N, C-alpha and C. Protein backbone atom coordinates (compact mmCIF):
# COMPACT_ATOMS: atom_id res chain seq x y z
N UNK A 1 0.84 -1.33 -0.15
CA UNK A 1 -0.01 0.09 -0.08
C UNK A 1 0.84 0.93 -0.15
N UNK A 2 0.24 2.43 -0.61
CA UNK A 2 1.00 3.68 -0.60
C UNK A 2 1.27 4.39 0.47
N UNK A 3 2.14 4.87 0.90
CA UNK A 3 3.26 5.45 1.61
C UNK A 3 3.83 6.78 1.74
N UNK A 4 3.54 7.64 3.01
CA UNK A 4 3.78 8.82 2.52
C UNK A 4 5.04 9.51 1.77
N UNK A 5 6.34 8.13 2.04
CA UNK A 5 7.56 7.99 1.11
C UNK A 5 7.49 8.06 -0.17
N UNK A 6 6.60 7.38 -0.73
CA UNK A 6 5.96 6.82 -2.03
C UNK A 6 5.33 7.85 -2.88
N UNK A 7 5.00 8.01 -4.23
CA UNK A 7 4.60 8.92 -4.80
C UNK A 7 3.21 8.63 -5.00
N UNK A 8 2.16 9.14 -4.62
CA UNK A 8 0.94 8.44 -4.58
C UNK A 8 0.17 8.79 -6.25
N UNK A 9 -0.01 7.87 -7.09
CA UNK A 9 -0.82 7.50 -7.93
C UNK A 9 -1.73 8.07 -8.70
N UNK A 10 -2.11 8.98 -9.00
CA UNK A 10 -3.81 9.85 -8.95
C UNK A 10 -4.29 10.03 -10.30
N UNK A 11 -5.57 9.19 -10.08
CA UNK A 11 -6.49 9.59 -11.56
C UNK A 11 -7.32 10.74 -10.98
N UNK A 12 -7.88 11.44 -12.09
CA UNK A 12 -9.07 12.64 -11.91
C UNK A 12 -10.15 12.51 -13.03
N UNK A 13 -11.35 11.98 -12.42
CA UNK A 13 -12.31 12.15 -13.04
C UNK A 13 -13.73 12.83 -13.06
N UNK A 14 -13.93 13.74 -13.81
CA UNK A 14 -14.61 14.84 -14.16
C UNK A 14 -14.98 15.13 -15.45
N UNK A 15 -16.39 15.47 -15.59
CA UNK A 15 -16.53 16.21 -16.88
C UNK A 15 -16.13 17.78 -17.15
N UNK A 16 -15.76 18.07 -16.29
CA UNK A 16 -15.01 19.75 -16.93
C UNK A 16 -13.66 19.87 -17.05
N UNK A 17 -13.17 19.73 -18.07
CA UNK A 17 -11.61 20.26 -18.52
C UNK A 17 -11.10 20.69 -17.54
N UNK A 18 -11.84 21.84 -16.87
CA UNK A 18 -11.09 23.03 -16.75
C UNK A 18 -10.81 22.74 -15.22
N UNK A 19 -12.07 22.27 -14.55
CA UNK A 19 -11.90 21.48 -13.14
C UNK A 19 -10.76 20.60 -13.11
N UNK A 20 -10.54 19.57 -13.49
CA UNK A 20 -9.46 18.90 -13.97
C UNK A 20 -8.13 19.33 -13.56
N UNK A 21 -8.04 20.53 -14.59
CA UNK A 21 -6.90 21.00 -15.11
C UNK A 21 -6.89 21.90 -13.89
N UNK A 22 -7.45 22.43 -12.83
CA UNK A 22 -6.97 23.04 -11.64
C UNK A 22 -7.13 21.74 -10.53
N UNK A 23 -7.43 20.79 -10.58
CA UNK A 23 -6.94 19.97 -9.73
C UNK A 23 -5.62 19.48 -9.57
N UNK A 24 -5.11 19.18 -10.90
CA UNK A 24 -4.27 18.55 -11.23
C UNK A 24 -3.27 19.62 -10.86
N UNK A 25 -3.47 21.04 -10.91
CA UNK A 25 -2.61 22.19 -10.76
C UNK A 25 -2.22 22.03 -9.05
N UNK A 26 -2.96 21.94 -8.12
CA UNK A 26 -3.96 21.68 -6.90
C UNK A 26 -2.23 20.70 -6.05
N UNK A 27 -2.96 19.28 -6.59
CA UNK A 27 -2.34 18.66 -5.94
C UNK A 27 -0.94 18.07 -6.33
N UNK A 28 -0.62 18.80 -7.80
CA UNK A 28 1.06 18.88 -8.14
C UNK A 28 1.95 19.27 -7.02
N UNK A 29 0.84 20.20 -6.25
CA UNK A 29 1.63 20.80 -5.00
C UNK A 29 2.69 20.43 -4.15
N UNK A 30 2.16 18.96 -4.44
CA UNK A 30 2.47 17.98 -3.02
C UNK A 30 3.31 17.31 -3.62
N UNK A 31 4.40 17.33 -3.20
CA UNK A 31 5.58 15.83 -3.84
C UNK A 31 4.98 14.55 -3.24
N UNK A 32 4.27 14.44 -3.01
CA UNK A 32 4.13 12.77 -2.64
C UNK A 32 3.10 12.47 -3.85
N UNK A 33 2.29 13.31 -4.61
CA UNK A 33 0.57 13.08 -5.18
C UNK A 33 1.51 13.72 -6.36
N UNK A 34 1.05 12.12 -7.43
CA UNK A 34 1.17 12.85 -8.92
C UNK A 34 -0.49 12.24 -9.54
N UNK A 35 -0.65 13.43 -10.74
CA UNK A 35 -1.64 13.06 -11.46
C UNK A 35 -1.34 12.04 -12.64
N UNK A 36 -1.53 10.56 -13.01
CA UNK A 36 -0.68 10.00 -13.84
C UNK A 36 -2.10 9.38 -15.00
N UNK A 37 -3.40 10.53 -14.60
CA UNK A 37 -4.56 10.30 -15.84
C UNK A 37 -5.53 10.82 -15.39
N UNK A 38 -6.02 11.29 -16.64
CA UNK A 38 -7.78 12.23 -16.51
C UNK A 38 -9.05 11.18 -17.59
N UNK A 39 -10.11 11.34 -16.93
CA UNK A 39 -11.29 10.73 -17.86
C UNK A 39 -12.41 11.80 -17.42
N UNK A 40 -13.39 12.10 -18.47
CA UNK A 40 -14.54 12.64 -18.28
C UNK A 40 -16.23 12.07 -18.35
N UNK A 41 -15.48 10.86 -18.64
CA UNK A 41 -16.85 10.14 -18.59
C UNK A 41 -16.70 8.81 -18.02
N UNK A 42 -18.14 7.51 -17.64
CA UNK A 42 -17.71 6.69 -16.99
C UNK A 42 -16.42 5.55 -17.60
N UNK A 43 -17.44 5.28 -18.92
CA UNK A 43 -16.43 4.45 -19.95
C UNK A 43 -14.55 4.82 -20.35
N UNK A 44 -14.43 6.41 -20.33
CA UNK A 44 -13.09 6.61 -20.47
C UNK A 44 -12.23 6.41 -18.97
N UNK A 45 -13.16 6.52 -17.64
CA UNK A 45 -12.31 6.36 -17.03
C UNK A 45 -12.00 4.91 -16.59
N UNK A 46 -12.60 3.80 -16.73
CA UNK A 46 -12.41 2.68 -16.39
C UNK A 46 -11.19 2.36 -17.60
N UNK A 47 -11.07 2.69 -18.79
CA UNK A 47 -9.99 2.17 -19.16
C UNK A 47 -8.77 3.04 -18.84
N UNK A 48 -8.94 4.51 -18.39
CA UNK A 48 -7.75 5.15 -17.86
C UNK A 48 -7.34 4.03 -16.58
N UNK A 49 -8.06 3.96 -15.57
CA UNK A 49 -7.84 3.04 -14.58
C UNK A 49 -7.04 2.42 -14.82
N UNK A 50 -7.53 1.23 -15.70
CA UNK A 50 -7.19 -0.26 -16.52
C UNK A 50 -5.68 -0.14 -16.80
N UNK A 51 -5.80 1.19 -17.20
CA UNK A 51 -4.05 1.48 -17.98
C UNK A 51 -3.21 1.90 -16.89
N UNK A 52 -3.60 3.11 -16.07
CA UNK A 52 -2.58 3.78 -15.56
C UNK A 52 -2.33 2.86 -14.25
N UNK A 53 -3.08 2.49 -13.41
CA UNK A 53 -3.03 1.62 -12.45
C UNK A 53 -2.57 1.85 -11.33
N UNK A 54 -3.65 3.41 -10.88
CA UNK A 54 -3.53 4.44 -9.50
C UNK A 54 -3.72 4.00 -8.49
N UNK A 55 -3.46 4.83 -7.59
CA UNK A 55 -3.29 4.44 -6.22
C UNK A 55 -4.60 4.80 -5.63
N UNK A 56 -5.11 6.12 -6.29
CA UNK A 56 -6.23 6.59 -5.82
C UNK A 56 -6.82 7.35 -6.96
N UNK A 57 -8.26 7.17 -6.92
CA UNK A 57 -9.38 7.45 -8.26
C UNK A 57 -10.21 8.70 -7.54
N UNK A 58 -10.35 10.09 -7.65
CA UNK A 58 -10.72 11.11 -7.37
C UNK A 58 -12.09 11.70 -8.69
N UNK A 59 -13.16 11.04 -8.02
CA UNK A 59 -14.66 10.72 -9.30
C UNK A 59 -15.55 12.14 -8.68
N UNK A 60 -15.56 12.76 -9.32
CA UNK A 60 -17.24 13.41 -9.41
C UNK A 60 -18.62 12.47 -9.31
N UNK A 61 -19.35 12.88 -8.78
CA UNK A 61 -20.38 12.01 -8.95
C UNK A 61 -21.22 12.30 -10.08
N UNK A 62 -21.43 13.02 -10.72
CA UNK A 62 -21.93 13.59 -11.98
C UNK A 62 -20.98 13.70 -13.20
N UNK A 63 -20.88 12.74 -13.97
CA UNK A 63 -20.30 12.57 -15.56
C UNK A 63 -21.19 13.04 -16.70
N UNK A 64 -22.36 12.31 -16.55
CA UNK A 64 -22.98 12.92 -17.66
C UNK A 64 -24.14 13.66 -17.34
N UNK A 65 -24.20 14.73 -18.37
CA UNK A 65 -25.35 15.95 -17.83
C UNK A 65 -26.80 14.84 -17.80
N UNK A 66 -27.72 15.33 -17.49
CA UNK A 66 -29.20 14.21 -17.14
C UNK A 66 -28.67 12.86 -16.45
N UNK A 67 -27.51 12.67 -16.10
CA UNK A 67 -27.43 11.10 -15.38
C UNK A 67 -27.93 10.81 -14.08
N UNK A 68 -27.87 9.62 -13.75
CA UNK A 68 -28.31 9.45 -12.08
C UNK A 68 -26.70 9.18 -11.74
N UNK A 69 -26.30 10.84 -11.50
CA UNK A 69 -25.32 10.17 -10.67
C UNK A 69 -24.33 9.24 -11.26
N UNK A 70 -23.71 9.22 -12.15
CA UNK A 70 -23.02 8.01 -13.16
C UNK A 70 -21.65 7.58 -12.11
N UNK A 71 -21.01 8.89 -11.53
CA UNK A 71 -20.02 8.63 -10.74
C UNK A 71 -20.15 7.62 -9.36
N UNK A 72 -21.28 6.78 -8.96
CA UNK A 72 -21.57 6.54 -8.06
C UNK A 72 -21.29 4.97 -8.78
N UNK A 73 -21.88 4.80 -10.11
CA UNK A 73 -21.46 3.10 -10.34
C UNK A 73 -20.51 2.94 -11.18
N UNK A 74 -19.40 4.40 -11.46
CA UNK A 74 -17.88 3.99 -11.54
C UNK A 74 -17.19 3.49 -10.20
N UNK A 75 -17.66 4.29 -8.93
CA UNK A 75 -17.04 3.86 -8.21
C UNK A 75 -16.98 2.47 -7.41
N UNK A 76 -18.33 1.74 -7.93
CA UNK A 76 -18.90 0.26 -7.46
C UNK A 76 -17.89 -0.88 -8.55
N UNK A 77 -17.86 0.28 -10.01
CA UNK A 77 -17.26 -0.68 -10.93
C UNK A 77 -15.64 -0.51 -10.68
N UNK A 78 -15.02 0.05 -10.36
CA UNK A 78 -13.44 0.34 -9.77
C UNK A 78 -13.44 -0.58 -8.94
N UNK A 79 -14.39 -0.40 -7.82
CA UNK A 79 -14.11 -1.48 -6.44
C UNK A 79 -14.16 -2.83 -6.81
N UNK A 80 -15.06 -3.19 -7.74
CA UNK A 80 -15.11 -4.79 -7.90
C UNK A 80 -14.23 -5.19 -8.96
N UNK A 81 -13.87 -4.01 -10.20
CA UNK A 81 -12.54 -4.55 -10.77
C UNK A 81 -11.10 -4.47 -10.05
N UNK A 82 -11.18 -3.77 -9.68
CA UNK A 82 -9.74 -2.74 -9.20
C UNK A 82 -10.28 -3.03 -7.22
N UNK A 83 -9.85 -3.60 -6.65
CA UNK A 83 -10.38 -3.44 -5.31
C UNK A 83 -8.94 -3.13 -4.58
N UNK A 84 -7.85 -2.65 -4.69
CA UNK A 84 -6.86 -2.41 -4.91
C UNK A 84 -6.37 -1.21 -4.64
N UNK A 85 -7.44 -0.13 -5.56
CA UNK A 85 -7.57 1.14 -6.01
C UNK A 85 -8.87 1.63 -5.28
N UNK A 86 -8.49 2.50 -4.54
CA UNK A 86 -8.97 3.83 -3.81
C UNK A 86 -10.07 4.49 -4.40
N UNK A 87 -11.17 4.92 -4.08
CA UNK A 87 -12.13 5.94 -4.67
C UNK A 87 -11.82 6.39 -3.89
N UNK A 88 -12.27 8.28 -4.16
CA UNK A 88 -12.66 9.44 -3.14
C UNK A 88 -13.10 10.13 -3.80
N UNK A 89 -14.58 10.20 -3.40
CA UNK A 89 -15.59 11.21 -4.25
C UNK A 89 -15.45 12.90 -3.56
N UNK A 90 -15.38 13.73 -4.82
CA UNK A 90 -14.62 14.88 -4.83
C UNK A 90 -16.32 15.72 -5.55
N UNK A 91 -16.92 16.20 -5.34
CA UNK A 91 -18.44 16.77 -5.79
C UNK A 91 -18.74 18.15 -5.22
N UNK A 92 -19.73 18.56 -5.37
CA UNK A 92 -20.98 19.79 -5.25
C UNK A 92 -21.49 19.15 -4.31
N UNK A 93 -22.44 18.03 -4.75
CA UNK A 93 -23.47 17.54 -3.88
C UNK A 93 -23.06 17.08 -2.59
N UNK A 94 -24.50 17.59 -1.47
CA UNK A 94 -23.52 17.05 0.00
C UNK A 94 -25.62 16.82 0.51
N UNK A 95 -25.59 15.24 0.03
CA UNK A 95 -26.83 14.64 1.02
C UNK A 95 -26.38 13.56 1.30
N UNK A 96 -26.95 13.56 2.31
CA UNK A 96 -27.41 12.21 3.83
C UNK A 96 -27.35 10.73 2.58
N UNK A 97 -27.85 10.29 1.35
CA UNK A 97 -28.36 9.18 0.87
C UNK A 97 -27.19 9.82 0.15
N UNK A 98 -26.61 10.39 -0.62
CA UNK A 98 -25.31 10.22 -1.48
C UNK A 98 -24.46 9.52 -0.68
N UNK A 99 -24.24 10.20 0.45
CA UNK A 99 -22.92 10.03 1.24
C UNK A 99 -22.97 8.43 1.24
N UNK A 100 -23.90 7.78 1.82
CA UNK A 100 -23.95 6.73 2.06
C UNK A 100 -24.09 5.80 1.02
N UNK A 101 -24.34 6.19 -0.12
CA UNK A 101 -24.36 5.52 -1.29
C UNK A 101 -23.40 5.08 -1.99
N UNK A 102 -22.28 6.53 -1.73
CA UNK A 102 -20.62 5.98 -2.33
C UNK A 102 -20.34 5.14 -1.55
N UNK A 103 -20.14 5.25 -0.40
CA UNK A 103 -19.66 4.81 0.60
C UNK A 103 -19.95 3.01 0.94
N UNK A 104 -20.91 2.72 0.44
CA UNK A 104 -21.65 1.40 0.30
C UNK A 104 -21.34 0.87 -1.19
N UNK A 105 -20.88 1.84 -2.19
CA UNK A 105 -20.42 1.41 -3.30
C UNK A 105 -18.99 1.48 -3.56
N UNK A 106 -18.46 1.63 -1.87
CA UNK A 106 -16.76 1.31 -2.37
C UNK A 106 -16.00 2.59 -1.73
N UNK A 107 -16.56 3.63 -1.95
CA UNK A 107 -15.84 4.92 -1.54
C UNK A 107 -15.22 4.74 -0.53
N UNK A 108 -13.84 5.36 -0.47
CA UNK A 108 -13.35 5.44 0.69
C UNK A 108 -13.26 6.62 1.66
N UNK A 109 -13.76 7.73 1.00
CA UNK A 109 -14.14 9.08 1.22
C UNK A 109 -14.63 9.70 0.18
N UNK A 110 -15.23 10.94 0.99
CA UNK A 110 -16.51 12.21 0.51
C UNK A 110 -16.24 13.03 0.91
N UNK A 111 -15.37 13.99 -0.69
CA UNK A 111 -15.48 15.43 -0.07
C UNK A 111 -16.15 16.36 -0.82
N UNK A 112 -16.47 17.47 -0.39
CA UNK A 112 -17.31 18.79 -1.41
C UNK A 112 -16.16 19.48 -2.02
N UNK A 113 -16.59 20.01 -3.05
CA UNK A 113 -15.22 20.89 -3.57
C UNK A 113 -14.49 22.35 -3.25
N UNK A 114 -15.49 22.47 -2.23
CA UNK A 114 -15.40 23.76 -1.49
C UNK A 114 -13.90 23.43 -0.51
N UNK A 115 -13.50 21.92 -0.40
CA UNK A 115 -12.99 21.71 0.27
C UNK A 115 -11.48 22.64 0.37
N UNK A 116 -10.31 22.85 1.22
CA UNK A 116 -9.27 23.56 0.92
C UNK A 116 -7.84 22.83 0.28
N UNK A 117 -7.18 23.31 -0.69
CA UNK A 117 -6.05 22.15 -1.15
C UNK A 117 -5.44 20.97 0.16
N UNK A 118 -5.12 21.85 1.62
CA UNK A 118 -4.58 21.21 2.49
C UNK A 118 -5.65 19.52 2.72
N UNK A 119 -6.74 19.70 2.82
CA UNK A 119 -7.46 19.05 3.31
C UNK A 119 -7.77 18.13 2.05
N UNK A 120 -7.87 18.47 0.76
CA UNK A 120 -7.71 17.88 -0.14
C UNK A 120 -6.71 16.70 -0.85
N UNK A 121 -5.51 16.84 -0.35
CA UNK A 121 -4.60 16.33 -0.41
C UNK A 121 -4.59 15.36 1.21
N UNK A 122 -4.75 15.81 1.97
CA UNK A 122 -4.87 14.92 3.29
C UNK A 122 -5.74 13.89 2.83
N UNK A 123 -7.06 13.94 2.48
CA UNK A 123 -7.81 13.04 2.33
C UNK A 123 -7.36 11.87 1.22
N UNK A 124 -6.51 12.78 -0.10
CA UNK A 124 -6.11 11.23 -1.25
C UNK A 124 -4.61 10.72 -0.21
N UNK A 125 -4.25 10.68 0.57
CA UNK A 125 -3.02 10.52 1.78
C UNK A 125 -4.19 9.57 2.16
N UNK A 126 -4.97 9.74 2.73
CA UNK A 126 -5.57 9.22 3.80
C UNK A 126 -5.97 7.87 3.05
N UNK A 127 -7.17 7.80 2.19
CA UNK A 127 -7.45 6.68 0.87
C UNK A 127 -6.75 6.04 0.46
N UNK A 128 -5.28 6.47 0.24
CA UNK A 128 -4.01 5.54 -0.22
C UNK A 128 -3.82 5.04 0.55
N UNK A 129 -3.66 5.14 2.04
CA UNK A 129 -3.10 4.26 2.83
C UNK A 129 -3.82 3.34 3.55
N UNK A 130 -4.81 3.62 2.92
CA UNK A 130 -5.82 2.59 3.69
C UNK A 130 -7.13 2.67 4.34
N UNK A 131 -7.02 4.07 4.59
CA UNK A 131 -7.75 4.85 5.64
C UNK A 131 -9.07 4.96 5.18
N UNK A 132 -10.16 6.11 5.30
CA UNK A 132 -11.01 7.05 5.03
C UNK A 132 -11.08 7.88 5.31
N UNK A 133 -11.55 8.99 4.35
CA UNK A 133 -11.43 10.53 4.27
C UNK A 133 -12.74 10.95 4.25
N UNK A 134 -13.40 11.91 5.26
CA UNK A 134 -14.55 12.30 5.01
C UNK A 134 -14.15 13.94 5.86
N UNK A 135 -15.05 14.69 4.93
CA UNK A 135 -15.43 16.33 5.90
C UNK A 135 -16.08 16.50 6.41
N UNK A 136 -16.26 17.22 7.34
CA UNK A 136 -16.72 16.90 8.78
C UNK A 136 -18.81 16.73 8.36
N UNK A 137 -18.92 17.57 7.17
CA UNK A 137 -19.86 17.68 6.46
C UNK A 137 -20.31 16.37 6.01
N UNK A 138 -19.76 15.63 5.32
CA UNK A 138 -19.80 14.06 5.01
C UNK A 138 -20.03 13.43 5.81
N UNK A 139 -19.17 13.38 6.84
CA UNK A 139 -18.77 12.73 7.77
C UNK A 139 -20.47 12.63 8.68
N UNK A 140 -21.04 14.29 8.95
CA UNK A 140 -22.02 13.98 9.43
C UNK A 140 -23.46 13.13 9.01
N UNK A 141 -23.61 13.31 7.65
CA UNK A 141 -24.34 13.01 6.89
C UNK A 141 -24.00 11.41 6.76
N UNK A 142 -23.33 10.62 7.15
CA UNK A 142 -22.63 9.34 7.64
C UNK A 142 -23.27 8.51 8.40
N UNK A 143 -22.87 9.66 9.52
CA UNK A 143 -23.38 8.84 10.82
C UNK A 143 -24.77 9.00 11.45
N UNK A 144 -25.38 10.11 10.50
CA UNK A 144 -27.12 10.31 10.85
C UNK A 144 -27.87 9.30 9.71
N UNK A 145 -27.41 9.31 8.88
CA UNK A 145 -27.59 8.40 8.06
C UNK A 145 -27.79 6.57 8.66
N UNK A 146 -26.47 6.15 8.96
CA UNK A 146 -26.60 5.06 9.13
C UNK A 146 -26.93 4.53 10.30
N UNK A 147 -26.67 5.30 11.44
CA UNK A 147 -27.73 5.65 12.51
C UNK A 147 -28.84 4.64 12.33
N UNK A 148 -29.96 5.74 11.14
CA UNK A 148 -31.15 5.59 11.21
C UNK A 148 -31.85 5.64 12.05
N UNK A 149 -31.31 6.48 13.11
CA UNK A 149 -32.44 6.80 14.35
C UNK A 149 -32.24 5.96 15.67
N UNK A 150 -31.18 5.01 15.52
CA UNK A 150 -30.97 4.56 16.49
C UNK A 150 -29.94 4.13 16.99
N UNK A 151 -29.48 3.65 17.81
CA UNK A 151 -28.17 3.75 18.38
C UNK A 151 -27.49 2.13 17.93
N UNK A 152 -26.31 2.67 17.12
CA UNK A 152 -25.94 1.06 16.68
C UNK A 152 -25.08 0.29 17.46
N UNK A 153 -24.62 0.83 19.12
CA UNK A 153 -23.93 -0.13 19.56
C UNK A 153 -24.90 -1.18 20.62
N UNK A 154 -26.12 -0.84 20.42
CA UNK A 154 -27.43 -1.57 20.79
C UNK A 154 -27.43 -2.67 20.12
N UNK A 155 -26.92 -2.89 18.77
CA UNK A 155 -26.78 -4.16 18.10
C UNK A 155 -25.91 -4.94 18.28
N UNK A 156 -24.82 -4.09 18.99
CA UNK A 156 -23.23 -4.79 18.48
C UNK A 156 -23.15 -5.67 19.89
N UNK A 157 -23.14 -7.22 19.70
CA UNK A 157 -22.66 -7.97 21.16
C UNK A 157 -21.17 -7.49 21.34
N UNK A 158 -21.25 -8.25 22.44
CA UNK A 158 -19.91 -8.22 23.66
C UNK A 158 -18.25 -8.33 23.06
N UNK A 159 -18.77 -9.87 22.09
CA UNK A 159 -17.77 -10.40 21.35
C UNK A 159 -17.43 -9.24 20.17
N UNK A 160 -18.77 -8.84 19.00
CA UNK A 160 -18.09 -8.07 18.60
C UNK A 160 -17.46 -6.84 18.33
N UNK A 161 -18.29 -6.33 20.05
CA UNK A 161 -17.44 -4.90 20.45
C UNK A 161 -15.96 -5.35 21.07
N UNK A 162 -15.39 -6.25 21.22
CA UNK A 162 -14.00 -6.81 21.52
C UNK A 162 -13.01 -6.66 19.83
N UNK A 163 -14.19 -7.25 19.16
CA UNK A 163 -13.03 -7.64 17.29
C UNK A 163 -13.49 -5.82 17.16
N UNK A 164 -14.34 -4.90 17.54
CA UNK A 164 -13.66 -3.78 16.54
C UNK A 164 -12.98 -2.67 17.37
N UNK A 165 -12.98 -3.12 18.88
CA UNK A 165 -11.67 -2.62 19.72
C UNK A 165 -10.58 -3.27 18.88
N UNK A 166 -10.23 -4.29 19.11
CA UNK A 166 -8.78 -4.55 18.04
C UNK A 166 -8.38 -4.20 16.49
N UNK A 167 -9.68 -4.07 16.34
CA UNK A 167 -9.91 -3.31 14.37
C UNK A 167 -8.75 -2.32 14.54
N UNK A 168 -9.23 -1.29 15.36
CA UNK A 168 -9.29 -0.16 15.77
C UNK A 168 -7.88 0.19 16.47
N UNK A 169 -7.03 -1.46 16.74
CA UNK A 169 -5.80 -1.04 17.08
C UNK A 169 -4.62 -0.99 15.93
N UNK A 170 -5.37 -1.85 14.89
CA UNK A 170 -4.68 -2.02 13.17
C UNK A 170 -4.22 -3.48 13.55
N UNK A 171 -4.96 -4.07 13.84
CA UNK A 171 -4.58 -5.80 14.20
C UNK A 171 -5.10 -6.57 13.06
N UNK A 172 -4.33 -7.49 12.51
CA UNK A 172 -4.82 -8.36 11.92
C UNK A 172 -6.07 -9.70 12.13
N UNK A 173 -7.15 -10.12 11.34
CA UNK A 173 -7.53 -11.35 11.88
C UNK A 173 -6.92 -12.25 12.41
N UNK A 174 -5.19 -12.46 12.25
CA UNK A 174 -4.82 -13.49 12.83
C UNK A 174 -4.43 -13.53 14.15
N UNK A 175 -4.15 -11.84 14.23
CA UNK A 175 -3.73 -11.65 16.03
C UNK A 175 -4.87 -11.04 16.65
N UNK A 176 -6.13 -10.77 15.93
CA UNK A 176 -7.00 -10.50 17.12
C UNK A 176 -7.86 -12.09 17.38
N UNK A 177 -7.68 -12.95 16.23
CA UNK A 177 -8.46 -14.55 16.76
C UNK A 177 -6.95 -14.99 17.99
N UNK A 178 -5.96 -14.68 17.63
CA UNK A 178 -4.94 -14.69 19.12
C UNK A 178 -5.21 -14.17 20.41
N UNK A 179 -5.53 -13.17 20.09
CA UNK A 179 -5.62 -12.49 21.26
C UNK A 179 -7.39 -12.54 22.28
N UNK A 180 -8.00 -13.06 21.30
CA UNK A 180 -10.04 -13.63 21.81
C UNK A 180 -9.66 -15.07 22.51
N UNK A 181 -8.55 -16.20 21.34
CA UNK A 181 -8.37 -17.17 21.69
C UNK A 181 -9.94 -17.82 20.66
N UNK A 182 -9.88 -17.26 19.42
CA UNK A 182 -11.23 -17.82 18.73
C UNK A 182 -10.37 -17.84 17.13
N UNK A 183 -10.95 -18.59 16.03
CA UNK A 183 -10.02 -18.81 15.16
C UNK A 183 -10.10 -17.94 14.22
N UNK A 184 -9.51 -17.96 12.96
CA UNK A 184 -9.13 -16.62 12.29
C UNK A 184 -10.87 -16.48 11.40
N UNK A 185 -11.19 -17.57 11.66
CA UNK A 185 -12.75 -17.39 10.29
C UNK A 185 -13.92 -17.36 11.31
N UNK A 186 -14.18 -17.14 12.50
CA UNK A 186 -14.98 -16.61 13.52
C UNK A 186 -14.34 -15.23 13.71
N UNK A 187 -13.56 -15.06 13.67
CA UNK A 187 -13.25 -13.64 13.66
C UNK A 187 -13.52 -12.82 12.06
N UNK A 188 -13.58 -13.55 10.84
CA UNK A 188 -13.97 -12.83 9.83
C UNK A 188 -15.71 -12.67 10.20
N UNK A 189 -15.88 -13.52 10.76
CA UNK A 189 -17.64 -13.77 10.30
C UNK A 189 -17.96 -12.41 11.56
N UNK A 190 -17.80 -12.39 12.84
CA UNK A 190 -17.89 -11.26 13.23
C UNK A 190 -17.42 -9.69 12.74
N UNK A 191 -16.02 -9.82 12.18
CA UNK A 191 -16.22 -8.28 11.29
C UNK A 191 -17.19 -8.45 10.32
N UNK A 192 -17.79 -9.26 9.69
CA UNK A 192 -18.22 -9.21 8.65
C UNK A 192 -20.07 -8.63 9.67
N UNK A 193 -20.35 -8.83 10.33
CA UNK A 193 -21.48 -8.92 11.49
C UNK A 193 -21.45 -7.15 11.43
N UNK A 194 -20.51 -6.58 12.50
CA UNK A 194 -20.17 -5.70 12.74
C UNK A 194 -20.47 -4.70 11.44
N UNK A 195 -19.61 -4.98 10.18
CA UNK A 195 -19.90 -3.67 9.15
C UNK A 195 -21.21 -4.01 8.82
N UNK A 196 -21.97 -4.97 8.43
CA UNK A 196 -22.97 -5.11 8.40
C UNK A 196 -23.80 -4.27 9.22
N UNK A 197 -23.58 -4.26 10.46
CA UNK A 197 -24.79 -3.50 11.83
C UNK A 197 -24.40 -2.30 11.38
N UNK A 198 -23.17 -1.38 11.06
CA UNK A 198 -23.04 -0.14 10.89
C UNK A 198 -23.32 0.35 9.25
N UNK A 199 -23.59 -0.35 9.12
CA UNK A 199 -24.10 -0.18 7.25
C UNK A 199 -22.39 0.48 6.67
N UNK A 200 -21.52 0.40 6.98
CA UNK A 200 -20.61 0.81 6.21
C UNK A 200 -19.99 -0.71 4.93
N UNK A 201 -19.38 -0.37 4.14
CA UNK A 201 -18.72 -2.01 3.21
C UNK A 201 -17.55 -2.65 3.39
N UNK A 202 -16.58 -1.21 4.47
CA UNK A 202 -15.53 -2.04 4.85
C UNK A 202 -14.92 -2.11 6.27
N UNK A 203 -13.67 -2.82 6.83
CA UNK A 203 -13.15 -2.57 7.98
C UNK A 203 -12.91 -1.39 8.24
N UNK A 204 -12.29 -0.98 7.75
CA UNK A 204 -11.96 0.77 8.39
C UNK A 204 -12.79 1.77 8.37
N UNK A 205 -13.95 1.47 7.68
CA UNK A 205 -15.06 2.61 7.57
C UNK A 205 -15.80 2.39 8.49
N UNK A 206 -15.76 0.87 9.57
CA UNK A 206 -16.47 0.31 10.80
C UNK A 206 -16.10 0.43 12.12
N UNK A 207 -14.41 1.06 11.56
CA UNK A 207 -13.71 1.54 12.70
C UNK A 207 -14.32 3.31 13.03
N UNK A 208 -13.93 3.71 11.93
CA UNK A 208 -14.65 5.47 11.38
C UNK A 208 -15.67 5.38 12.07
N UNK A 209 -16.90 4.43 11.82
CA UNK A 209 -17.70 5.31 12.07
C UNK A 209 -18.28 5.07 13.54
N UNK A 210 -17.34 3.72 13.87
CA UNK A 210 -17.41 3.51 15.56
C UNK A 210 -16.85 4.20 16.75
N UNK A 211 -15.86 5.16 15.77
CA UNK A 211 -15.09 5.84 16.95
C UNK A 211 -15.77 7.09 16.86
N UNK A 212 -16.48 7.73 15.98
CA UNK A 212 -17.08 8.60 15.66
C UNK A 212 -18.59 8.81 16.29
N UNK A 213 -18.90 7.12 16.83
CA UNK A 213 -20.43 7.00 17.33
C UNK A 213 -20.05 6.77 19.08
N UNK A 214 -18.32 7.13 19.67
CA UNK A 214 -18.24 6.94 21.03
C UNK A 214 -17.99 5.49 21.33
N UNK A 215 -18.16 4.64 19.99
CA UNK A 215 -18.54 3.07 20.50
C UNK A 215 -16.93 2.54 20.54
N UNK A 216 -15.91 2.78 20.61
CA UNK A 216 -14.36 1.69 20.86
C UNK A 216 -13.81 3.52 21.44
């Protein structure tokens, strides 16, 4: 996985050439981020990712006028075809449902386009290293919608809470199993339950949501 000492290879996907040019210039100011490709549509983005094999793809939600947020479909397809490639949504749309749909499609982060340069670079670095990146507004949307009006902690068993605490410490499935005296397959079972109950798509997002909710 990419680290801060390595250059983070990034592809920009937006249907506005001027915005892509601006993003390229902004990200180019950071020594550890480089833009290796651009695309303006769903099809061209999939082709570019296959060729460039970036670490991060920065995706706008609206790639075609009148289309129903085809950026979401793109995030899901990139996640399916290239699970090692992180997707970061950068959009003008801030809506609870869209944020959650993006996360469930596989996006590791969601930030709005008025984010400052420092935060954008920080978001790219975070998702490249396997973490999540949400600005305060989108994070609030995730928590509000995923909570569904109830406290997810009420649904987690004591064992699931234990596994979640170990996840937060960055431990592998094998390490968690050894610490809790359970098999690795049982650890995977508990992690799947935690992910499902918190309404997220991956373990890093489960840790993020749980920490924001004060569960760990």
